[in-house]
Amino acid sequence: MEAALLRSPCSLFFSNKTETSRKNLNFKSKNFSVIRASANQSADSVVTLLDYGAGNVRSVRNAIRSLGYNIKDVQKPEDILNADRLIFPGVGAFAAAMDVLNQNGMAEALCTYIENDRPFLGICLGLQLLFESSEEKGLVKGLGLIPGVVGRFDSSNGVRVPHIGWNALQITKDSGILEDVGGQHVYFVHSYRAIPSNANQEWISSTCNYGDNFIASVQRGNVHAVQFHPEKSGDVGLSVLARFLQSKSYTAKKATKGKASKLAKRVIACLDVRANDNGDLVVTKGDQYDVREHTKENEVRNLGKPVELARQYYKDGADEVSFLNITGFRDFPLGDLPMLEVLRYTSENVFVPLTVGGGIRDFTDGNGRHYSSLEVASEYFRSGADKVSIGSDAVYAAEAYIRTGVKTGNSSLEQISRVYGNQAVVVSIDPRRVYVRNPGDVEFKTVRVANPGPAGEEYAWYQCTVNGGREGRPIGAYELAKAVEELGAGEILLNCIDCDGQGKGFDIDLIELVSNAVTIPVIASSGAGVVEHFSEVFRKTNASAALAAGIFHRKEVPIHSVKEHLLKESIEVRV
């Protein structure tokens, strides 16, 4: 295979060895002596972290600290060689990561460290880079420690790509860190994966099924790597990190025998956050975007503090927490320090994925300084966000793309997706229903609606809006969804202005229309009022997740009640 001919940074160890000798390689080399760190801190309490600046590793840092450890960042290759335990939370694109590691000499240091069987934990891309190569941007060579090529999931067999969500693990051998994790759900977010083979079989400690079986974790001696994100997998993930670190300060919750068998449907808590009239950030909610109380004072509806509510929803079992910044720091998003602080504080105690949206676009501040959408998104990622949600700016980009057929690469959607991967980009679509008598009356995709319109119309199209639903655009939800998928969106958050705050259920016609149009995951939003609405949307559409806000904030429908109902309906969810 062509990949096998690529010369990897680790090829100096493996290039002259046959496959048999590779299997029998003694990782404890006697000819290499590791320089021990002479730090003031106790070596037992320090974790060396390889963070090359490509995305959100704040949650990994917070998880490590929550387990009682201090962090030493890798600044130079010698820091890797000096490490007593090394964690590599790889994020971003394969090629970009290898470029950074090769340019600063860290790739060779990593190979040396791992070749000497030192305690190592790679996460997500930190697992993929151990393989010979990846097909992510053409054929790109990796570190070459594990035989195999990292390839893209095949969406032609019906799976949605990226693979986003909580999936089950099948343990294949005792790795020392996956105790009680078999049959449990852990959190994945990736588009590429490595496939088991005879050549890499001895490395594999667990697999996961998503269209086909792929490698979920590897282990050899003290070297571990996982495709899932333990720092985003709740208590189960924290237990994995604790076992790797041999943490004495962490007491794992008593695990029940796991029954997870496949990808779970996600239940997401959404927090609309804005400043009230006193300048304090509060969680609010309105019907069709009206967030003020209908009182004499006309104050902003206050349903709680964002950090406190996010923590509570995490404890209640939310699979993700989504923040939507509706304050409108539109002229200076990077000046929105309170929202950045919300992310930072939330990520200290909430170990499930965090999404943030609002104001992520190119802008120029009052002093004439231009900021790219990439700079804005980067600040959110570094503050604790795992995904960013783009709304109006994605609509304009899609309109231009449909009109010209050209991907300029300059839109916020394209820029962020190119650097951080499409799994980090959510596009929020805010449509409203427009009834028509015949499908031919409009140029947009229509559906035959279950409930006819006011004049007996049997068809409708869904007009997309911008600026918080205040302005309609000449593009339908179907057309927008297909365009943003091509531009690099990894997930769609599908709202419905007509259903928002009504509590009568999700717009099944809309969700079915969009989820059947794309191959990326779709999150159903707007309209949930009772637990049965969640099972309905999962049974009748291909939605991967369902989101709610007001019913959770007002404690009308607790998250655990939704999960219990879905389990009774034989719909797999994370317990």
Protein backbone atom coordinates (compact mmCIF):
# COMPACT_ATOMS: atom_id res chain seq x y z
CA MET A 1 0.00 0.00 0.00
CA GLU A 2 1.26 3.49 -0.82
CA ALA A 3 0.95 4.60 2.82
CA ALA A 4 3.46 2.00 3.90
CA LEU A 5 6.06 3.65 1.68
CA LEU A 6 5.75 7.00 3.42
CA ARG A 7 8.66 7.75 5.71
CA SER A 8 7.32 8.79 9.11
CA PRO A 9 9.12 10.66 11.89
CA CYS A 10 9.33 7.36 13.77
CA SER A 11 10.69 5.44 10.81
CA LEU A 12 14.17 5.56 12.31
CA PHE A 13 12.89 2.97 14.79
CA PHE A 14 10.86 0.84 12.39
CA SER A 15 12.21 1.22 8.85
CA ASN A 16 14.61 -1.73 9.06
CA LYS A 17 12.33 -4.03 11.02
CA THR A 18 10.01 -6.64 9.63
CA GLU A 19 6.39 -6.84 10.75
CA THR A 20 7.33 -9.74 13.02
CA SER A 21 10.19 -7.90 14.69
CA ARG A 22 7.94 -4.87 15.12
CA LYS A 23 5.56 -6.99 17.17
CA ASN A 24 8.41 -8.25 19.30
CA LEU A 25 10.08 -4.86 19.69
CA ASN A 26 11.25 -4.24 23.25
CA PHE A 27 9.97 -0.77 24.12
CA LYS A 28 12.25 -0.55 27.15
CA SER A 29 15.41 0.39 25.30
CA LYS A 30 18.58 0.07 27.38
CA ASN A 31 20.50 2.47 25.17
CA PHE A 32 18.35 5.49 25.92
CA SER A 33 18.46 7.38 29.18
CA VAL A 34 15.72 9.89 29.91
CA ILE A 35 16.73 13.15 31.53
CA ARG A 36 14.67 13.46 34.67
CA ALA A 37 12.94 16.70 35.49
CA SER A 38 14.38 18.66 38.38
CA ALA A 39 11.29 20.74 39.07
CA ASN A 40 10.37 22.04 42.50
CA GLN A 41 6.95 20.45 42.20
CA SER A 42 6.55 16.82 43.18
CA ALA A 43 6.83 14.74 40.02
CA ASP A 44 3.95 12.61 41.25
CA SER A 45 1.56 15.56 41.02
CA VAL A 46 2.59 16.92 37.61
CA VAL A 47 1.15 16.02 34.22
CA THR A 48 2.96 17.18 31.09
CA LEU A 49 0.50 18.42 28.47
CA LEU A 50 1.31 18.70 24.78
CA ASP A 51 -0.91 21.57 23.66
CA TYR A 52 0.14 22.91 20.28
CA GLY A 53 -2.57 25.59 20.21
CA ALA A 54 -5.03 24.14 17.70
CA GLY A 55 -8.27 24.26 19.67
CA ASN A 56 -10.03 23.74 22.97
CA VAL A 57 -7.95 21.85 25.50
CA ARG A 58 -9.26 23.83 28.46
CA SER A 59 -11.58 20.98 29.40
CA VAL A 60 -8.65 18.55 29.43
CA ARG A 61 -6.79 20.95 31.71
CA ASN A 62 -9.78 21.27 33.99
CA ALA A 63 -10.29 17.51 34.12
CA ILE A 64 -6.63 16.97 35.03
CA ARG A 65 -6.80 19.61 37.75
CA SER A 66 -10.04 18.17 39.10
CA LEU A 67 -8.15 14.91 39.64
CA GLY A 68 -5.56 16.67 41.82
CA TYR A 69 -2.73 17.28 39.35
CA ASN A 70 -0.73 20.29 38.25
CA ILE A 71 0.10 20.85 34.58
CA LYS A 72 3.41 21.48 32.87
CA ASP A 73 3.08 22.60 29.26
CA VAL A 74 5.45 21.37 26.59
CA GLN A 75 7.50 24.28 25.31
CA LYS A 76 10.31 22.36 23.61
CA PRO A 77 11.12 18.76 22.68
CA GLU A 78 13.13 18.24 25.87
CA ASP A 79 9.94 18.78 27.90
CA ILE A 80 8.51 15.65 26.29
CA LEU A 81 11.62 13.62 27.08
CA ASN A 82 11.58 14.86 30.68
CA ALA A 83 7.92 14.01 31.28
CA ASP A 84 6.90 11.44 33.88
CA ARG A 85 3.46 11.21 32.27
CA LEU A 86 2.39 12.84 29.02
CA ILE A 87 -1.09 13.63 27.70
CA PHE A 88 -1.56 14.66 24.08
CA PRO A 89 -5.11 15.98 23.49
CA GLY A 90 -4.86 16.31 19.72
CA VAL A 91 -7.43 18.61 18.14
CA GLY A 92 -7.80 20.06 14.66
CA ALA A 93 -6.62 18.59 11.37
CA PHE A 94 -4.14 15.71 10.94
CA ALA A 95 -1.87 17.48 8.43
CA ALA A 96 -1.73 20.72 10.41
CA ALA A 97 -0.86 18.85 13.59
CA MET A 98 1.95 16.90 11.91
CA ASP A 99 3.33 20.11 10.42
CA VAL A 100 3.57 21.68 13.88
CA LEU A 101 5.11 18.57 15.45
CA ASN A 102 7.68 18.20 12.67
CA GLN A 103 8.64 21.86 12.49
CA ASN A 104 9.49 22.16 16.17
CA GLY A 105 11.13 18.78 16.58
CA MET A 106 8.42 17.35 18.79
CA ALA A 107 7.50 14.48 16.47
CA GLU A 108 10.85 12.79 16.97
CA ALA A 109 10.73 13.47 20.72
CA LEU A 110 7.27 11.87 20.86
CA CYS A 111 8.52 8.79 19.05
CA THR A 112 11.47 8.51 21.44
CA TYR A 113 9.23 8.91 24.48
CA ILE A 114 6.74 6.29 23.30
CA GLU A 115 9.48 3.90 22.08
CA ASN A 116 10.77 3.85 25.66
CA ASP A 117 7.36 2.78 27.01
CA ARG A 118 6.80 5.95 29.00
CA PRO A 119 3.27 6.73 30.34
CA PHE A 120 1.42 8.32 27.44
CA LEU A 121 -2.24 9.10 26.72
CA GLY A 122 -3.29 10.36 23.31
CA ILE A 123 -6.82 11.72 22.84
CA CYS A 124 -8.76 11.79 19.54
CA LEU A 125 -6.26 13.16 17.01
CA GLY A 126 -3.64 12.13 19.58
CA LEU A 127 -4.58 8.55 18.71
CA GLN A 128 -4.79 9.04 14.94
CA LEU A 129 -1.32 10.58 14.70
CA LEU A 130 0.19 7.34 16.01
CA PHE A 131 -0.75 5.59 12.74
CA GLU A 132 1.27 5.48 9.55
CA SER A 133 -0.79 7.99 7.61
CA SER A 134 -4.14 9.74 7.13
CA GLU A 135 -6.27 10.43 4.08
CA GLU A 136 -7.64 13.64 5.58
CA LYS A 137 -5.81 16.03 3.21
CA GLY A 138 -4.56 13.66 0.57
CA LEU A 139 -2.16 11.08 1.96
CA VAL A 140 -0.32 12.57 4.95
CA LYS A 141 2.23 10.59 6.94
CA GLY A 142 1.79 10.24 10.68
CA LEU A 143 4.16 9.15 13.42
CA GLY A 144 4.17 5.61 12.08
CA LEU A 145 4.03 3.77 15.40
CA ILE A 146 0.91 1.74 14.60
CA PRO A 147 0.27 0.04 11.23
CA GLY A 148 -2.70 1.40 9.33
CA VAL A 149 -4.18 4.34 7.48
CA VAL A 150 -6.69 6.72 9.06
CA GLY A 151 -9.61 7.10 6.63
CA ARG A 152 -12.92 8.93 6.50
CA PHE A 153 -16.17 7.34 7.61
CA ASP A 154 -18.21 6.13 4.66
CA SER A 155 -21.51 8.03 4.67
CA SER A 156 -22.83 5.93 1.77
CA ASN A 157 -23.83 3.20 4.23
CA GLY A 158 -26.24 5.55 5.98
CA VAL A 159 -24.13 6.90 8.86
CA ARG A 160 -23.86 10.62 9.40
CA VAL A 161 -20.43 12.17 9.19
CA PRO A 162 -18.97 13.58 11.41
CA HIS A 163 -19.54 10.87 14.01
CA ILE A 164 -20.81 13.07 16.83
CA GLY A 165 -22.27 11.83 20.06
CA TRP A 166 -22.24 9.18 22.75
CA ASN A 167 -21.44 5.71 21.48
CA ALA A 168 -20.80 2.34 23.10
CA LEU A 169 -17.41 0.69 23.58
CA GLN A 170 -16.60 -2.97 23.06
CA ILE A 171 -13.58 -3.87 25.17
CA THR A 172 -11.19 -6.29 23.49
CA LYS A 173 -8.49 -6.51 26.16
CA ASP A 174 -7.73 -5.27 29.65
CA SER A 175 -5.82 -2.04 29.11
CA GLY A 176 -5.77 -0.94 32.73
CA ILE A 177 -7.69 2.29 32.13
CA LEU A 178 -10.99 1.01 30.69
CA GLU A 179 -12.23 -0.87 33.73
CA ASP A 180 -16.06 -0.75 33.95
CA VAL A 181 -16.21 1.27 30.70
CA GLY A 182 -17.40 -1.61 28.52
CA GLY A 183 -21.06 -1.21 27.66
CA GLN A 184 -20.97 2.47 28.65
CA HIS A 185 -21.42 5.49 26.38
CA VAL A 186 -18.46 7.78 25.76
CA TYR A 187 -18.31 10.93 23.65
CA PHE A 188 -16.92 10.92 20.11
CA VAL A 189 -16.56 13.76 17.64
CA HIS A 190 -14.56 12.92 14.50
CA SER A 191 -14.84 12.30 10.76
CA TYR A 192 -11.84 10.00 10.37
CA ARG A 193 -11.01 6.70 12.01
CA ALA A 194 -8.62 3.75 11.93
CA ILE A 195 -9.84 0.27 11.07
CA PRO A 196 -8.74 -2.92 12.86
CA SER A 197 -6.44 -5.21 10.89
CA ASN A 198 -4.15 -8.16 11.48
CA ALA A 199 -1.20 -5.77 11.49
CA ASN A 200 -2.49 -3.56 14.31
CA GLN A 201 -4.59 -6.11 16.22
CA GLU A 202 -2.16 -6.37 19.14
CA TRP A 203 -2.55 -2.66 19.86
CA ILE A 204 -6.35 -2.58 20.04
CA SER A 205 -7.95 -2.38 23.48
CA SER A 206 -11.49 -1.43 22.40
CA THR A 207 -13.59 -0.88 19.31
CA CYS A 208 -16.76 1.01 18.48
CA ASN A 209 -19.35 0.36 15.81
CA TYR A 210 -20.50 3.19 13.59
CA GLY A 211 -21.30 1.86 10.16
CA ASP A 212 -18.37 -0.48 10.65
CA ASN A 213 -16.06 -1.34 13.53
CA PHE A 214 -13.30 1.17 14.12
CA ILE A 215 -10.53 1.44 16.71
CA ALA A 216 -11.77 3.24 19.81
CA SER A 217 -8.62 2.81 21.91
CA VAL A 218 -5.15 1.29 21.80
CA GLN A 219 -2.70 0.15 24.45
CA ARG A 220 0.76 -1.31 24.54
CA GLY A 221 2.68 -1.28 27.80
CA ASN A 222 2.34 2.19 29.31
CA VAL A 223 1.23 3.71 26.01
CA HIS A 224 -2.50 4.43 25.70
CA ALA A 225 -4.61 6.39 23.23
CA VAL A 226 -8.36 6.84 22.84
CA GLN A 227 -10.46 8.06 19.92
CA PHE A 228 -13.18 9.33 22.25
CA HIS A 229 -12.90 12.36 24.53
CA PRO A 230 -12.66 11.30 28.20
CA GLU A 231 -12.73 14.96 29.29
CA LYS A 232 -16.15 15.24 27.62
CA SER A 233 -17.51 11.85 28.68
CA GLY A 234 -18.76 12.79 32.15
CA ASP A 235 -17.97 10.54 35.10
CA VAL A 236 -17.10 7.63 32.82
CA GLY A 237 -14.44 9.72 31.08
CA LEU A 238 -13.05 11.12 34.32
CA SER A 239 -12.59 7.57 35.59
CA VAL A 240 -10.51 6.77 32.47
CA LEU A 241 -8.26 9.77 33.10
CA ALA A 242 -8.02 8.93 36.80
CA ARG A 243 -6.86 5.38 36.07
CA PHE A 244 -4.24 6.58 33.64
CA LEU A 245 -2.95 9.09 36.18
CA GLN A 246 -3.43 6.65 39.07
CA SER A 247 -5.19 9.47 40.87
CA LYS A 248 -5.74 8.93 44.57
CA SER A 249 -7.97 11.99 44.93
CA TYR A 250 -10.70 10.70 42.61
CA THR A 251 -13.33 8.26 43.76
CA ALA A 252 -15.20 6.77 40.84
CA LYS A 253 -18.93 6.46 41.16
CA LYS A 254 -20.07 2.88 41.51
CA ALA A 255 -20.56 1.72 37.95
CA THR A 256 -23.62 -0.23 36.96
CA LYS A 257 -23.23 -2.88 34.29
CA GLY A 258 -23.40 -0.99 31.03
CA LYS A 259 -26.04 -1.86 28.44
CA ALA A 260 -24.98 0.60 25.75
CA SER A 261 -24.84 -1.00 22.32
CA LYS A 262 -24.85 1.81 19.74
CA LEU A 263 -24.92 5.56 19.16
CA ALA A 264 -27.25 7.23 21.64
CA LYS A 265 -29.75 9.94 20.81
CA ARG A 266 -28.65 13.16 22.48
CA VAL A 267 -30.69 15.44 24.74
CA ILE A 268 -29.25 18.96 24.73
CA ALA A 269 -29.94 21.84 27.10
CA CYS A 270 -29.84 25.26 25.44
CA LEU A 271 -29.24 28.47 27.37
CA ASP A 272 -30.09 31.78 25.69
CA VAL A 273 -27.77 34.23 27.43
CA ARG A 274 -27.98 38.01 27.36
CA ALA A 275 -27.30 41.00 29.54
CA ASN A 276 -30.24 42.32 31.51
CA ASP A 277 -30.86 46.02 32.01
CA ASN A 278 -28.32 46.06 34.85
CA GLY A 279 -25.61 44.58 32.64
CA ASP A 280 -25.61 41.14 34.28
CA LEU A 281 -25.65 38.02 32.12
CA VAL A 282 -28.77 35.94 32.67
CA VAL A 283 -30.42 32.95 31.03
CA THR A 284 -33.61 34.04 29.34
CA LYS A 285 -36.22 32.61 27.01
CA GLY A 286 -38.97 34.04 24.92
CA ASP A 287 -41.66 33.15 22.43
CA GLN A 288 -40.55 33.98 18.90
CA TYR A 289 -37.51 35.79 20.37
CA ASP A 290 -39.43 38.19 22.65
CA VAL A 291 -37.42 37.87 25.89
CA ARG A 292 -38.99 40.67 27.93
CA GLU A 293 -41.66 40.24 30.56
CA HIS A 294 -45.00 41.74 29.69
CA THR A 295 -45.03 43.95 32.75
CA LYS A 296 -44.84 47.66 33.45
CA GLU A 297 -41.08 47.41 33.92
CA ASN A 298 -40.70 45.37 30.72
CA GLU A 299 -37.60 43.74 32.18
CA VAL A 300 -35.57 40.97 30.56
CA ARG A 301 -36.95 37.57 31.58
CA ASN A 302 -34.48 36.08 34.08
CA LEU A 303 -34.51 32.30 34.39
CA GLY A 304 -31.21 31.91 36.20
CA LYS A 305 -27.46 32.37 36.02
CA PRO A 306 -25.77 30.66 33.07
CA VAL A 307 -22.91 28.94 34.91
CA GLU A 308 -25.14 27.61 37.69
CA LEU A 309 -27.78 26.34 35.27
CA ALA A 310 -25.17 24.66 33.07
CA ARG A 311 -23.74 22.84 36.10
CA GLN A 312 -27.20 21.68 37.11
CA TYR A 313 -28.03 20.38 33.65
CA TYR A 314 -24.74 18.47 33.61
CA LYS A 315 -25.69 16.81 36.90
CA ASP A 316 -29.18 16.11 35.54
CA GLY A 317 -27.77 14.18 32.59
CA ALA A 318 -27.67 16.65 29.68
CA ASP A 319 -25.55 15.23 26.88
CA GLU A 320 -24.44 18.67 25.76
CA VAL A 321 -24.89 22.27 26.86
CA SER A 322 -25.35 24.99 24.26
CA PHE A 323 -24.97 28.71 24.94
CA LEU A 324 -26.52 31.21 22.56
CA ASN A 325 -25.25 34.73 23.17
CA ILE A 326 -28.19 36.95 22.23
CA THR A 327 -26.92 40.11 23.94
CA GLY A 328 -25.71 41.47 20.64
CA PHE A 329 -22.07 42.40 21.14
CA ARG A 330 -22.24 42.61 17.39
CA ASP A 331 -19.75 45.46 17.01
CA PHE A 332 -17.10 43.89 19.23
CA PRO A 333 -17.57 40.16 19.95
CA LEU A 334 -14.09 39.85 21.44
CA GLY A 335 -15.04 42.54 23.93
CA ASP A 336 -17.68 40.21 25.28
CA LEU A 337 -15.57 39.26 28.28
CA PRO A 338 -18.50 38.15 30.45
CA MET A 339 -19.52 35.47 27.93
CA LEU A 340 -15.95 34.25 27.68
CA GLU A 341 -15.87 34.01 31.46
CA VAL A 342 -19.10 31.99 31.40
CA LEU A 343 -17.39 29.46 29.15
CA ARG A 344 -14.25 29.35 31.30
CA TYR A 345 -16.10 28.81 34.56
CA THR A 346 -18.55 26.34 33.04
CA SER A 347 -15.78 24.16 31.60
CA GLU A 348 -14.25 23.80 35.07
CA ASN A 349 -17.16 21.68 36.26
CA VAL A 350 -19.10 20.57 33.20
CA PHE A 351 -17.46 17.63 31.45
CA VAL A 352 -19.76 17.28 28.45
CA PRO A 353 -19.49 19.21 25.14
CA LEU A 354 -20.11 22.97 25.16
CA THR A 355 -21.32 24.92 22.13
CA VAL A 356 -21.48 28.69 21.88
CA GLY A 357 -23.09 30.86 19.22
CA GLY A 358 -23.71 34.54 18.60
CA GLY A 359 -21.58 37.17 16.85
CA ILE A 360 -19.07 34.79 15.30
CA ARG A 361 -18.10 36.59 12.08
CA ASP A 362 -15.56 39.00 10.63
CA PHE A 363 -15.78 42.49 12.12
CA THR A 364 -13.93 45.77 12.54
CA ASP A 365 -13.85 47.46 15.94
CA GLY A 366 -14.28 51.17 16.68
CA ASN A 367 -10.55 51.78 16.23
CA GLY A 368 -10.54 50.33 12.73
CA ARG A 369 -8.84 47.06 13.74
CA HIS A 370 -10.10 44.14 11.67
CA TYR A 371 -10.73 40.76 13.29
CA SER A 372 -11.46 37.61 11.33
CA SER A 373 -14.18 35.19 12.30
CA LEU A 374 -11.35 32.71 12.86
CA GLU A 375 -9.88 34.94 15.58
CA VAL A 376 -13.29 35.25 17.24
CA ALA A 377 -13.89 31.50 17.13
CA SER A 378 -10.38 30.79 18.39
CA GLU A 379 -11.03 32.85 21.51
CA TYR A 380 -14.22 30.92 22.18
CA PHE A 381 -12.39 27.60 21.71
CA ARG A 382 -9.58 28.62 24.03
CA SER A 383 -12.16 29.70 26.61
CA GLY A 384 -13.80 26.28 26.71
CA ALA A 385 -16.12 25.87 23.72
CA ASP A 386 -15.96 22.60 21.79
CA LYS A 387 -18.13 23.81 18.94
CA VAL A 388 -19.21 27.21 17.62
CA SER A 389 -22.61 27.90 16.16
CA ILE A 390 -22.95 30.25 13.18
CA GLY A 391 -26.29 31.74 12.16
CA SER A 392 -26.83 34.75 9.93
CA ASP A 393 -23.31 34.74 8.51
CA ALA A 394 -23.81 31.17 7.27
CA VAL A 395 -27.02 32.20 5.49
CA TYR A 396 -25.21 34.95 3.57
CA ALA A 397 -22.37 32.56 2.68
CA ALA A 398 -24.84 29.94 1.43
CA GLU A 399 -26.70 32.49 -0.67
CA ALA A 400 -23.46 33.58 -2.32
CA TYR A 401 -22.39 29.99 -2.93
CA ILE A 402 -25.74 29.04 -4.51
CA ARG A 403 -25.66 32.18 -6.65
CA THR A 404 -22.09 31.78 -7.93
CA GLY A 405 -21.28 28.11 -7.43
CA VAL A 406 -17.91 29.21 -6.06
CA LYS A 407 -16.43 28.42 -2.64
CA THR A 408 -14.36 31.48 -1.85
CA GLY A 409 -12.95 30.05 1.37
CA ASN A 410 -13.44 33.46 2.99
CA SER A 411 -16.70 32.92 4.85
CA SER A 412 -16.62 32.34 8.61
CA LEU A 413 -18.02 28.87 8.04
CA GLU A 414 -15.27 27.91 5.61
CA GLN A 415 -12.45 29.51 7.60
CA ILE A 416 -13.29 27.85 10.90
CA SER A 417 -14.06 24.49 9.33
CA ARG A 418 -10.76 24.49 7.45
CA VAL A 419 -8.67 25.11 10.58
CA TYR A 420 -10.63 23.29 13.30
CA GLY A 421 -12.45 20.67 11.25
CA ASN A 422 -16.12 20.58 10.30
CA GLN A 423 -17.00 18.77 13.55
CA ALA A 424 -16.32 22.07 15.37
CA VAL A 425 -18.85 24.06 13.31
CA VAL A 426 -22.61 24.05 13.85
CA VAL A 427 -24.90 26.05 11.58
CA SER A 428 -28.04 27.36 13.24
CA ILE A 429 -31.01 27.60 10.85
CA ASP A 430 -34.01 29.74 11.84
CA PRO A 431 -36.84 29.22 9.34
CA ARG A 432 -40.54 30.02 9.38
CA ARG A 433 -43.25 28.16 7.50
CA VAL A 434 -44.71 29.73 4.32
CA TYR A 435 -47.83 28.00 2.98
CA VAL A 436 -48.42 27.57 -0.76
CA ARG A 437 -51.16 25.87 -2.76
CA ASN A 438 -48.87 24.08 -5.20
CA PRO A 439 -45.19 23.04 -5.08
CA GLY A 440 -44.60 24.80 -8.39
CA ASP A 441 -45.58 28.18 -6.90
CA VAL A 442 -42.06 28.67 -5.47
CA GLU A 443 -38.51 27.75 -6.50
CA PHE A 444 -37.76 26.21 -3.12
CA LYS A 445 -38.27 22.67 -1.86
CA THR A 446 -41.74 22.21 -0.40
CA VAL A 447 -43.36 19.59 1.79
CA ARG A 448 -46.91 18.35 2.03
CA VAL A 449 -47.85 19.43 5.54
CA ALA A 450 -49.76 17.36 8.05
CA ASN A 451 -51.86 20.38 9.05
CA PRO A 452 -53.11 22.60 6.17
CA GLY A 453 -52.53 26.36 6.20
CA PRO A 454 -55.09 29.07 7.03
CA ALA A 455 -56.54 29.02 3.51
CA GLY A 456 -56.42 25.26 3.21
CA GLU A 457 -52.95 25.18 1.63
CA GLU A 458 -51.55 21.66 1.63
CA TYR A 459 -47.91 22.60 0.96
CA ALA A 460 -45.29 24.78 2.60
CA TRP A 461 -41.69 25.84 2.20
CA TYR A 462 -39.49 27.03 5.04
CA GLN A 463 -38.07 30.50 4.60
CA CYS A 464 -34.77 31.11 6.40
CA THR A 465 -34.32 34.23 8.49
CA VAL A 466 -31.43 36.26 9.89
CA ASN A 467 -30.94 38.75 12.72
CA GLY A 468 -32.82 36.75 15.32
CA GLY A 469 -35.75 35.93 13.05
CA ARG A 470 -36.46 39.53 12.19
CA GLU A 471 -35.52 39.41 8.50
CA GLY A 472 -36.61 36.83 5.94
CA ARG A 473 -34.19 35.77 3.21
CA PRO A 474 -34.78 34.35 -0.29
CA ILE A 475 -33.54 30.88 0.59
CA GLY A 476 -35.27 27.80 1.95
CA ALA A 477 -34.16 25.60 4.84
CA TYR A 478 -33.62 22.66 2.49
CA GLU A 479 -31.42 24.65 0.13
CA LEU A 480 -29.53 26.28 3.01
CA ALA A 481 -28.84 22.96 4.72
CA LYS A 482 -27.38 21.37 1.59
CA ALA A 483 -25.25 24.45 0.85
CA VAL A 484 -23.73 24.77 4.33
CA GLU A 485 -22.90 21.07 4.38
CA GLU A 486 -20.88 21.58 1.20
CA LEU A 487 -19.23 24.68 2.70
CA GLY A 488 -18.01 22.77 5.74
CA ALA A 489 -20.70 22.59 8.40
CA GLY A 490 -20.43 19.51 10.60
CA GLU A 491 -23.82 19.75 12.25
CA ILE A 492 -27.11 21.62 11.85
CA LEU A 493 -29.13 23.12 14.67
CA LEU A 494 -32.62 23.28 13.17
CA ASN A 495 -34.95 25.75 14.86
CA CYS A 496 -38.51 26.67 13.88
CA ILE A 497 -39.82 30.14 14.62
CA ASP A 498 -43.46 29.02 14.34
CA CYS A 499 -43.00 26.36 17.03
CA ASP A 500 -40.68 28.26 19.38
CA GLY A 501 -42.11 28.45 22.88
CA GLN A 502 -45.40 26.83 21.89
CA GLY A 503 -44.87 23.51 23.67
CA LYS A 504 -46.86 21.65 21.00
CA GLY A 505 -44.01 19.56 19.67
CA PHE A 506 -41.21 19.80 17.13
CA ASP A 507 -42.02 20.61 13.50
CA ILE A 508 -41.76 17.05 12.22
CA ASP A 509 -42.27 18.09 8.57
CA LEU A 510 -39.32 20.50 8.73
CA ILE A 511 -36.99 18.14 10.58
CA GLU A 512 -37.77 15.27 8.25
CA LEU A 513 -37.17 17.52 5.22
CA VAL A 514 -33.74 18.71 6.38
CA SER A 515 -32.46 15.54 8.06
CA ASN A 516 -33.17 13.59 4.85
CA ALA A 517 -31.38 16.23 2.76
CA VAL A 518 -27.96 16.07 4.43
CA THR A 519 -25.50 13.48 5.68
CA ILE A 520 -24.34 15.47 8.72
CA PRO A 521 -26.11 15.26 12.11
CA VAL A 522 -29.22 17.39 12.67
CA ILE A 523 -30.33 18.71 16.06
CA ALA A 524 -34.08 19.21 16.37
CA SER A 525 -35.04 22.40 18.21
CA SER A 526 -38.12 24.48 19.08
CA GLY A 527 -41.47 23.29 20.38
CA ALA A 528 -40.85 20.58 22.98
CA GLY A 529 -43.45 20.64 25.72
CA VAL A 530 -43.72 17.09 27.10
CA VAL A 531 -41.46 14.03 27.13
CA GLU A 532 -43.47 12.40 24.34
CA HIS A 533 -42.31 15.09 21.94
CA PHE A 534 -38.76 13.78 22.21
CA SER A 535 -39.67 10.19 21.38
CA GLU A 536 -41.87 11.42 18.51
CA VAL A 537 -39.06 13.35 16.83
CA PHE A 538 -36.62 10.45 17.17
CA ARG A 539 -39.12 7.91 15.81
CA LYS A 540 -40.41 9.99 12.90
CA THR A 541 -37.21 11.69 11.71
CA ASN A 542 -33.49 11.07 11.38
CA ALA A 543 -32.62 13.72 13.97
CA SER A 544 -29.49 12.82 15.93
CA ALA A 545 -30.35 15.01 18.91
CA ALA A 546 -33.18 17.06 20.37
CA LEU A 547 -32.73 20.39 22.14
CA ALA A 548 -34.92 22.25 24.58
CA ALA A 549 -34.63 25.35 26.71
CA GLY A 550 -37.68 26.84 28.42
CA ILE A 551 -39.17 23.57 29.68
CA PHE A 552 -35.86 22.77 31.36
CA HIS A 553 -35.35 26.26 32.78
CA ARG A 554 -38.86 26.41 34.23
CA LYS A 555 -38.51 22.83 35.55
CA GLU A 556 -41.64 21.77 33.66
CA VAL A 557 -39.87 18.75 32.17
CA PRO A 558 -36.67 17.57 33.90
CA ILE A 559 -33.92 16.13 31.72
CA HIS A 560 -33.89 12.85 33.63
CA SER A 561 -37.61 12.44 32.90
CA VAL A 562 -36.89 12.76 29.18
CA LYS A 563 -34.17 10.12 29.42
CA GLU A 564 -36.38 7.74 31.42
CA HIS A 565 -39.19 8.10 28.88
CA LEU A 566 -36.88 7.47 25.93
CA LEU A 567 -35.51 4.34 27.59
CA LYS A 568 -39.03 3.02 28.12
CA GLU A 569 -39.67 3.64 24.43
CA SER A 570 -36.58 1.56 23.58
CA ILE A 571 -34.69 4.58 22.26
CA GLU A 572 -31.03 4.38 23.25
CA VAL A 573 -29.78 7.26 25.37
CA ARG A 574 -26.85 7.82 27.68
CA VAL A 575 -27.76 6.99 31.27
